[in-house]
Amino acid sequence: MATEILEPVEMVSWSRGAGLVPCRFRWRGRVYRVSRVNASWESREGSVRRFHFMVRTSSGDTCELHFDAGDMRWMLDCVYSDP
């Protein structure tokens, strides 16, 4: 089941060596460590590129994040939970 969040997050660390990859982010005062990137893709809204990531955190949460290259901010789109 997906819970839509649509809130900004602070990306505490990310890697750019092999592209943009989230490593840790802060949401609602808590830091989440990304243990695995399950999928990534790009989209466009007009001329603005968005980089999307489906990640698994070390606490077992599955989250969908995106980076908006237009306003240079990270967003948490959804959190997925097991039924």
PDB file of N, CA and C in Angstrom:
ATOM      1  N   MET A   1       0.835  -1.174   0.000  1.00  0.00           N
ATOM      2  CA  MET A   1       0.000   0.000   0.000  1.00  0.00           C
ATOM      3  C   MET A   1       0.887   1.247   0.000  1.00  0.00           C
ATOM      4  N   ALA A   2       0.566   2.204  -0.831  1.00  0.00           N
ATOM      5  CA  ALA A   2       1.349   3.439  -0.942  1.00  0.00           C
ATOM      6  C   ALA A   2       0.659   4.564  -0.180  1.00  0.00           C
ATOM      7  N   THR A   3       1.456   5.318   0.565  1.00  0.00           N
ATOM      8  CA  THR A   3       0.972   6.517   1.242  1.00  0.00           C
ATOM      9  C   THR A   3       1.644   7.713   0.592  1.00  0.00           C
ATOM     10  N   GLU A   4       0.849   8.568  -0.029  1.00  0.00           N
ATOM     11  CA  GLU A   4       1.408   9.746  -0.682  1.00  0.00           C
ATOM     12  C   GLU A   4       1.856  10.747   0.380  1.00  0.00           C
ATOM     13  N   ILE A   5       3.086  11.250   0.247  1.00  0.00           N
ATOM     14  CA  ILE A   5       3.655  12.175   1.223  1.00  0.00           C
ATOM     15  C   ILE A   5       3.805  13.574   0.617  1.00  0.00           C
ATOM     16  N   LEU A   6       4.547  13.692  -0.479  1.00  0.00           N
ATOM     17  CA  LEU A   6       4.780  14.962  -1.182  1.00  0.00           C
ATOM     18  C   LEU A   6       5.305  16.060  -0.253  1.00  0.00           C
ATOM     19  N   GLU A   7       6.378  15.731   0.490  1.00  0.00           N
ATOM     20  CA  GLU A   7       7.011  16.689   1.397  1.00  0.00           C
ATOM     21  C   GLU A   7       8.490  16.813   1.055  1.00  0.00           C
ATOM     22  N   PRO A   8       9.043  18.014   1.238  1.00  0.00           N
ATOM     23  CA  PRO A   8      10.486  18.167   1.014  1.00  0.00           C
ATOM     24  C   PRO A   8      11.286  17.416   2.066  1.00  0.00           C
ATOM     25  N   VAL A   9      12.446  16.912   1.662  1.00  0.00           N
ATOM     26  CA  VAL A   9      13.380  16.266   2.582  1.00  0.00           C
ATOM     27  C   VAL A   9      14.741  16.923   2.413  1.00  0.00           C
ATOM     28  N   GLU A  10      15.547  16.803   3.450  1.00  0.00           N
ATOM     29  CA  GLU A  10      16.929  17.272   3.365  1.00  0.00           C
ATOM     30  C   GLU A  10      17.797  16.073   3.023  1.00  0.00           C
ATOM     31  N   MET A  11      18.484  16.139   1.905  1.00  0.00           N
ATOM     32  CA  MET A  11      19.381  15.052   1.534  1.00  0.00           C
ATOM     33  C   MET A  11      20.684  15.291   2.276  1.00  0.00           C
ATOM     34  N   VAL A  12      20.959  14.413   3.237  1.00  0.00           N
ATOM     35  CA  VAL A  12      22.134  14.562   4.088  1.00  0.00           C
ATOM     36  C   VAL A  12      23.385  14.167   3.331  1.00  0.00           C
ATOM     37  N   SER A  13      23.289  13.148   2.499  1.00  0.00           N
ATOM     38  CA  SER A  13      24.446  12.752   1.692  1.00  0.00           C
ATOM     39  C   SER A  13      23.980  12.076   0.420  1.00  0.00           C
ATOM     40  N   TRP A  14      24.752  12.274  -0.637  1.00  0.00           N
ATOM     41  CA  TRP A  14      24.473  11.634  -1.919  1.00  0.00           C
ATOM     42  C   TRP A  14      25.781  11.481  -2.656  1.00  0.00           C
ATOM     43  N   SER A  15      25.753  10.627  -3.645  1.00  0.00           N
ATOM     44  CA  SER A  15      26.945  10.338  -4.441  1.00  0.00           C
ATOM     45  C   SER A  15      26.717  10.846  -5.854  1.00  0.00           C
ATOM     46  N   ARG A  16      27.757  11.367  -6.456  1.00  0.00           N
ATOM     47  CA  ARG A  16      27.643  11.816  -7.846  1.00  0.00           C
ATOM     48  C   ARG A  16      28.625  11.076  -8.738  1.00  0.00           C
ATOM     49  N   GLY A  17      29.414  10.158  -8.186  1.00  0.00           N
ATOM     50  CA  GLY A  17      30.425   9.446  -8.961  1.00  0.00           C
ATOM     51  C   GLY A  17      29.848   8.719 -10.157  1.00  0.00           C
ATOM     52  N   ALA A  18      28.816   7.949  -9.935  1.00  0.00           N
ATOM     53  CA  ALA A  18      28.174   7.201 -11.013  1.00  0.00           C
ATOM     54  C   ALA A  18      26.796   7.786 -11.296  1.00  0.00           C
ATOM     55  N   GLY A  19      26.669   9.088 -11.101  1.00  0.00           N
ATOM     56  CA  GLY A  19      25.380   9.743 -11.245  1.00  0.00           C
ATOM     57  C   GLY A  19      24.852  10.160  -9.882  1.00  0.00           C
ATOM     58  N   LEU A  20      23.686  10.717  -9.867  1.00  0.00           N
ATOM     59  CA  LEU A  20      23.055  11.199  -8.646  1.00  0.00           C
ATOM     60  C   LEU A  20      22.428  10.019  -7.918  1.00  0.00           C
ATOM     61  N   VAL A  21      22.892   9.725  -6.697  1.00  0.00           N
ATOM     62  CA  VAL A  21      22.389   8.583  -5.931  1.00  0.00           C
ATOM     63  C   VAL A  21      22.175   9.010  -4.481  1.00  0.00           C
ATOM     64  N   PRO A  22      20.951   8.890  -3.945  1.00  0.00           N
ATOM     65  CA  PRO A  22      20.718   9.250  -2.549  1.00  0.00           C
ATOM     66  C   PRO A  22      21.347   8.226  -1.603  1.00  0.00           C
ATOM     67  N   CYS A  23      21.942   8.712  -0.512  1.00  0.00           N
ATOM     68  CA  CYS A  23      22.553   7.834   0.495  1.00  0.00           C
ATOM     69  C   CYS A  23      21.860   7.950   1.852  1.00  0.00           C
ATOM     70  N   ARG A  24      21.591   9.183   2.289  1.00  0.00           N
ATOM     71  CA  ARG A  24      20.892   9.433   3.554  1.00  0.00           C
ATOM     72  C   ARG A  24      20.035  10.683   3.398  1.00  0.00           C
ATOM     73  N   PHE A  25      18.836  10.655   4.014  1.00  0.00           N
ATOM     74  CA  PHE A  25      17.980  11.838   3.975  1.00  0.00           C
ATOM     75  C   PHE A  25      17.283  12.036   5.319  1.00  0.00           C
ATOM     76  N   ARG A  26      16.928  13.286   5.592  1.00  0.00           N
ATOM     77  CA  ARG A  26      16.234  13.635   6.827  1.00  0.00           C
ATOM     78  C   ARG A  26      14.806  14.028   6.484  1.00  0.00           C
ATOM     79  N   TRP A  27      13.862  13.372   7.178  1.00  0.00           N
ATOM     80  CA  TRP A  27      12.447  13.663   6.998  1.00  0.00           C
ATOM     81  C   TRP A  27      11.786  13.682   8.369  1.00  0.00           C
ATOM     82  N   ARG A  28      11.098  14.762   8.666  1.00  0.00           N
ATOM     83  CA  ARG A  28      10.406  14.942   9.946  1.00  0.00           C
ATOM     84  C   ARG A  28      11.342  14.709  11.136  1.00  0.00           C
ATOM     85  N   GLY A  29      12.570  15.206  11.008  1.00  0.00           N
ATOM     86  CA  GLY A  29      13.535  15.146  12.104  1.00  0.00           C
ATOM     87  C   GLY A  29      14.304  13.846  12.242  1.00  0.00           C
ATOM     88  N   ARG A  30      13.994  12.862  11.430  1.00  0.00           N
ATOM     89  CA  ARG A  30      14.664  11.560  11.515  1.00  0.00           C
ATOM     90  C   ARG A  30      15.529  11.346  10.275  1.00  0.00           C
ATOM     91  N   VAL A  31      16.720  10.772  10.480  1.00  0.00           N
ATOM     92  CA  VAL A  31      17.619  10.483   9.364  1.00  0.00           C
ATOM     93  C   VAL A  31      17.417   9.038   8.924  1.00  0.00           C
ATOM     94  N   TYR A  32      17.241   8.842   7.632  1.00  0.00           N
ATOM     95  CA  TYR A  32      17.056   7.519   7.025  1.00  0.00           C
ATOM     96  C   TYR A  32      18.272   7.221   6.163  1.00  0.00           C
ATOM     97  N   ARG A  33      18.865   6.053   6.358  1.00  0.00           N
ATOM     98  CA  ARG A  33      19.989   5.619   5.533  1.00  0.00           C
ATOM     99  C   ARG A  33      19.457   4.739   4.414  1.00  0.00           C
ATOM    100  N   VAL A  34      19.850   5.037   3.197  1.00  0.00           N
ATOM    101  CA  VAL A  34      19.431   4.245   2.037  1.00  0.00           C
ATOM    102  C   VAL A  34      20.325   3.020   1.949  1.00  0.00           C
ATOM    103  N   SER A  35      19.721   1.845   2.069  1.00  0.00           N
ATOM    104  CA  SER A  35      20.502   0.609   1.983  1.00  0.00           C
ATOM    105  C   SER A  35      20.556   0.067   0.555  1.00  0.00           C
ATOM    106  N   ARG A  36      19.558   0.458  -0.274  1.00  0.00           N
ATOM    107  CA  ARG A  36      19.543  -0.044  -1.655  1.00  0.00           C
ATOM    108  C   ARG A  36      18.677   0.871  -2.520  1.00  0.00           C
ATOM    109  N   VAL A  37      19.134   1.109  -3.723  1.00  0.00           N
ATOM    110  CA  VAL A  37      18.318   1.805  -4.725  1.00  0.00           C
ATOM    111  C   VAL A  37      17.712   0.721  -5.606  1.00  0.00           C
ATOM    112  N   ASN A  38      16.401   0.557  -5.529  1.00  0.00           N
ATOM    113  CA  ASN A  38      15.717  -0.494  -6.284  1.00  0.00           C
ATOM    114  C   ASN A  38      15.481  -0.110  -7.742  1.00  0.00           C
ATOM    115  N   ALA A  39      15.284   1.179  -7.984  1.00  0.00           N
ATOM    116  CA  ALA A  39      15.033   1.646  -9.354  1.00  0.00           C
ATOM    117  C   ALA A  39      15.325   3.136  -9.419  1.00  0.00           C
ATOM    118  N   SER A  40      15.663   3.596 -10.614  1.00  0.00           N
ATOM    119  CA  SER A  40      15.837   5.031 -10.840  1.00  0.00           C
ATOM    120  C   SER A  40      15.421   5.344 -12.270  1.00  0.00           C
ATOM    121  N   TRP A  41      14.896   6.545 -12.464  1.00  0.00           N
ATOM    122  CA  TRP A  41      14.466   6.971 -13.784  1.00  0.00           C
ATOM    123  C   TRP A  41      14.408   8.494 -13.813  1.00  0.00           C
ATOM    124  N   GLU A  42      14.333   9.028 -15.004  1.00  0.00           N
ATOM    125  CA  GLU A  42      14.244  10.475 -15.197  1.00  0.00           C
ATOM    126  C   GLU A  42      12.908  10.815 -15.829  1.00  0.00           C
ATOM    127  N   SER A  43      12.434  12.016 -15.514  1.00  0.00           N
ATOM    128  CA  SER A  43      11.244  12.542 -16.177  1.00  0.00           C
ATOM    129  C   SER A  43      11.467  14.032 -16.428  1.00  0.00           C
ATOM    130  N   ARG A  44      10.593  14.606 -17.204  1.00  0.00           N
ATOM    131  CA  ARG A  44      10.666  16.047 -17.482  1.00  0.00           C
ATOM    132  C   ARG A  44       9.303  16.664 -17.225  1.00  0.00           C
ATOM    133  N   GLU A  45       9.348  17.851 -16.654  1.00  0.00           N
ATOM    134  CA  GLU A  45       8.150  18.670 -16.544  1.00  0.00           C
ATOM    135  C   GLU A  45       8.488  19.968 -17.253  1.00  0.00           C
ATOM    136  N   GLY A  46       8.080  20.071 -18.509  1.00  0.00           N
ATOM    137  CA  GLY A  46       8.540  21.167 -19.353  1.00  0.00           C
ATOM    138  C   GLY A  46      10.019  20.971 -19.634  1.00  0.00           C
ATOM    139  N   SER A  47      10.820  21.979 -19.323  1.00  0.00           N
ATOM    140  CA  SER A  47      12.268  21.866 -19.546  1.00  0.00           C
ATOM    141  C   SER A  47      13.024  21.404 -18.303  1.00  0.00           C
ATOM    142  N   VAL A  48      12.301  21.156 -17.209  1.00  0.00           N
ATOM    143  CA  VAL A  48      12.938  20.784 -15.939  1.00  0.00           C
ATOM    144  C   VAL A  48      13.055  19.266 -15.818  1.00  0.00           C
ATOM    145  N   ARG A  49      14.275  18.814 -15.525  1.00  0.00           N
ATOM    146  CA  ARG A  49      14.507  17.376 -15.335  1.00  0.00           C
ATOM    147  C   ARG A  49      14.275  17.000 -13.880  1.00  0.00           C
ATOM    148  N   ARG A  50      13.669  15.845 -13.687  1.00  0.00           N
ATOM    149  CA  ARG A  50      13.495  15.255 -12.362  1.00  0.00           C
ATOM    150  C   ARG A  50      14.146  13.887 -12.364  1.00  0.00           C
ATOM    151  N   PHE A  51      14.844  13.601 -11.285  1.00  0.00           N
ATOM    152  CA  PHE A  51      15.519  12.322 -11.110  1.00  0.00           C
ATOM    153  C   PHE A  51      14.798  11.576  -9.994  1.00  0.00           C
ATOM    154  N   HIS A  52      14.205  10.438 -10.321  1.00  0.00           N
ATOM    155  CA  HIS A  52      13.379   9.669  -9.386  1.00  0.00           C
ATOM    156  C   HIS A  52      14.143   8.443  -8.889  1.00  0.00           C
ATOM    157  N   PHE A  53      13.864   8.077  -7.640  1.00  0.00           N
ATOM    158  CA  PHE A  53      14.525   6.927  -7.022  1.00  0.00           C
ATOM    159  C   PHE A  53      13.529   6.164  -6.161  1.00  0.00           C
ATOM    160  N   MET A  54      13.488   4.854  -6.344  1.00  0.00           N
ATOM    161  CA  MET A  54      12.760   3.965  -5.447  1.00  0.00           C
ATOM    162  C   MET A  54      13.829   3.334  -4.567  1.00  0.00           C
ATOM    163  N   VAL A  55      13.775   3.596  -3.258  1.00  0.00           N
ATOM    164  CA  VAL A  55      14.847   3.162  -2.361  1.00  0.00           C
ATOM    165  C   VAL A  55      14.297   2.327  -1.213  1.00  0.00           C
ATOM    166  N   ARG A  56      15.178   1.534  -0.656  1.00  0.00           N
ATOM    167  CA  ARG A  56      14.907   0.772   0.571  1.00  0.00           C
ATOM    168  C   ARG A  56      15.801   1.364   1.640  1.00  0.00           C
ATOM    169  N   THR A  57      15.230   1.677   2.807  1.00  0.00           N
ATOM    170  CA  THR A  57      16.033   2.242   3.887  1.00  0.00           C
ATOM    171  C   THR A  57      16.518   1.135   4.810  1.00  0.00           C
ATOM    172  N   SER A  58      17.495   1.460   5.650  1.00  0.00           N
ATOM    173  CA  SER A  58      18.033   0.465   6.581  1.00  0.00           C
ATOM    174  C   SER A  58      16.990   0.037   7.607  1.00  0.00           C
ATOM    175  N   SER A  59      15.943   0.841   7.805  1.00  0.00           N
ATOM    176  CA  SER A  59      14.870   0.465   8.733  1.00  0.00           C
ATOM    177  C   SER A  59      13.777  -0.351   8.045  1.00  0.00           C
ATOM    178  N   GLY A  60      13.951  -0.642   6.746  1.00  0.00           N
ATOM    179  CA  GLY A  60      13.014  -1.499   6.028  1.00  0.00           C
ATOM    180  C   GLY A  60      11.920  -0.774   5.263  1.00  0.00           C
ATOM    181  N   ASP A  61      11.927   0.557   5.296  1.00  0.00           N
ATOM    182  CA  ASP A  61      10.918   1.319   4.556  1.00  0.00           C
ATOM    183  C   ASP A  61      11.276   1.361   3.069  1.00  0.00           C
ATOM    184  N   THR A  62      10.265   1.345   2.221  1.00  0.00           N
ATOM    185  CA  THR A  62      10.455   1.566   0.793  1.00  0.00           C
ATOM    186  C   THR A  62       9.876   2.934   0.475  1.00  0.00           C
ATOM    187  N   CYS A  63      10.709   3.788  -0.110  1.00  0.00           N
ATOM    188  CA  CYS A  63      10.332   5.183  -0.354  1.00  0.00           C
ATOM    189  C   CYS A  63      10.605   5.557  -1.799  1.00  0.00           C
ATOM    190  N   GLU A  64       9.768   6.449  -2.308  1.00  0.00           N
ATOM    191  CA  GLU A  64      10.015   7.037  -3.621  1.00  0.00           C
ATOM    192  C   GLU A  64      10.405   8.495  -3.411  1.00  0.00           C
ATOM    193  N   LEU A  65      11.599   8.850  -3.890  1.00  0.00           N
ATOM    194  CA  LEU A  65      12.140  10.201  -3.770  1.00  0.00           C
ATOM    195  C   LEU A  65      12.365  10.771  -5.158  1.00  0.00           C
ATOM    196  N   HIS A  66      12.406  12.096  -5.254  1.00  0.00           N
ATOM    197  CA  HIS A  66      12.868  12.688  -6.506  1.00  0.00           C
ATOM    198  C   HIS A  66      13.642  13.970  -6.222  1.00  0.00           C
ATOM    199  N   PHE A  67      14.566  14.265  -7.147  1.00  0.00           N
ATOM    200  CA  PHE A  67      15.329  15.504  -7.118  1.00  0.00           C
ATOM    201  C   PHE A  67      14.872  16.350  -8.284  1.00  0.00           C
ATOM    202  N   ASP A  68      14.436  17.566  -8.002  1.00  0.00           N
ATOM    203  CA  ASP A  68      13.981  18.496  -9.028  1.00  0.00           C
ATOM    204  C   ASP A  68      15.149  19.402  -9.399  1.00  0.00           C
ATOM    205  N   ALA A  69      15.650  19.265 -10.613  1.00  0.00           N
ATOM    206  CA  ALA A  69      16.816  20.037 -11.045  1.00  0.00           C
ATOM    207  C   ALA A  69      16.477  21.509 -11.265  1.00  0.00           C
ATOM    208  N   GLY A  70      15.202  21.850 -11.350  1.00  0.00           N
ATOM    209  CA  GLY A  70      14.802  23.240 -11.535  1.00  0.00           C
ATOM    210  C   GLY A  70      14.945  24.057 -10.267  1.00  0.00           C
ATOM    211  N   ASP A  71      14.418  23.534  -9.160  1.00  0.00           N
ATOM    212  CA  ASP A  71      14.515  24.273  -7.898  1.00  0.00           C
ATOM    213  C   ASP A  71      15.547  23.673  -6.948  1.00  0.00           C
ATOM    214  N   MET A  72      16.251  22.647  -7.438  1.00  0.00           N
ATOM    215  CA  MET A  72      17.367  22.043  -6.692  1.00  0.00           C
ATOM    216  C   MET A  72      16.935  21.514  -5.323  1.00  0.00           C
ATOM    217  N   ARG A  73      15.780  20.841  -5.269  1.00  0.00           N
ATOM    218  CA  ARG A  73      15.366  20.280  -3.987  1.00  0.00           C
ATOM    219  C   ARG A  73      14.903  18.841  -4.138  1.00  0.00           C
ATOM    220  N   TRP A  74      14.998  18.140  -3.025  1.00  0.00           N
ATOM    221  CA  TRP A  74      14.587  16.748  -2.926  1.00  0.00           C
ATOM    222  C   TRP A  74      13.191  16.678  -2.315  1.00  0.00           C
ATOM    223  N   MET A  75      12.398  15.713  -2.796  1.00  0.00           N
ATOM    224  CA  MET A  75      11.049  15.497  -2.273  1.00  0.00           C
ATOM    225  C   MET A  75      10.847  14.017  -1.978  1.00  0.00           C
ATOM    226  N   LEU A  76      10.099  13.738  -0.928  1.00  0.00           N
ATOM    227  CA  LEU A  76       9.632  12.384  -0.638  1.00  0.00           C
ATOM    228  C   LEU A  76       8.225  12.294  -1.202  1.00  0.00           C
ATOM    229  N   ASP A  77       8.044  11.457  -2.208  1.00  0.00           N
ATOM    230  CA  ASP A  77       6.755  11.347  -2.884  1.00  0.00           C
ATOM    231  C   ASP A  77       5.822  10.365  -2.191  1.00  0.00           C
ATOM    232  N   CYS A  78       6.322   9.161  -1.900  1.00  0.00           N
ATOM    233  CA  CYS A  78       5.496   8.092  -1.331  1.00  0.00           C
ATOM    234  C   CYS A  78       6.315   7.229  -0.387  1.00  0.00           C
ATOM    235  N   VAL A  79       5.611   6.627   0.563  1.00  0.00           N
ATOM    236  CA  VAL A  79       6.181   5.572   1.397  1.00  0.00           C
ATOM    237  C   VAL A  79       5.295   4.356   1.191  1.00  0.00           C
ATOM    238  N   TYR A  80       5.910   3.216   0.918  1.00  0.00           N
ATOM    239  CA  TYR A  80       5.183   1.983   0.650  1.00  0.00           C
ATOM    240  C   TYR A  80       5.286   1.064   1.856  1.00  0.00           C
ATOM    241  N   SER A  81       4.168   0.437   2.202  1.00  0.00           N
ATOM    242  CA  SER A  81       4.165  -0.509   3.315  1.00  0.00           C
ATOM    243  C   SER A  81       3.547  -1.820   2.852  1.00  0.00           C
ATOM    244  N   ASP A  82       3.919  -2.885   3.545  1.00  0.00           N
ATOM    245  CA  ASP A  82       3.341  -4.191   3.241  1.00  0.00           C
ATOM    246  C   ASP A  82       1.904  -4.215   3.755  1.00  0.00           C
ATOM    247  N   PRO A  83       1.012  -4.885   3.018  1.00  0.00           N
ATOM    248  CA  PRO A  83      -0.406  -4.936   3.451  1.00  0.00           C
ATOM    249  C   PRO A  83      -0.591  -5.725   4.727  1.00  0.00           C
TER     250      PRO A  83
END
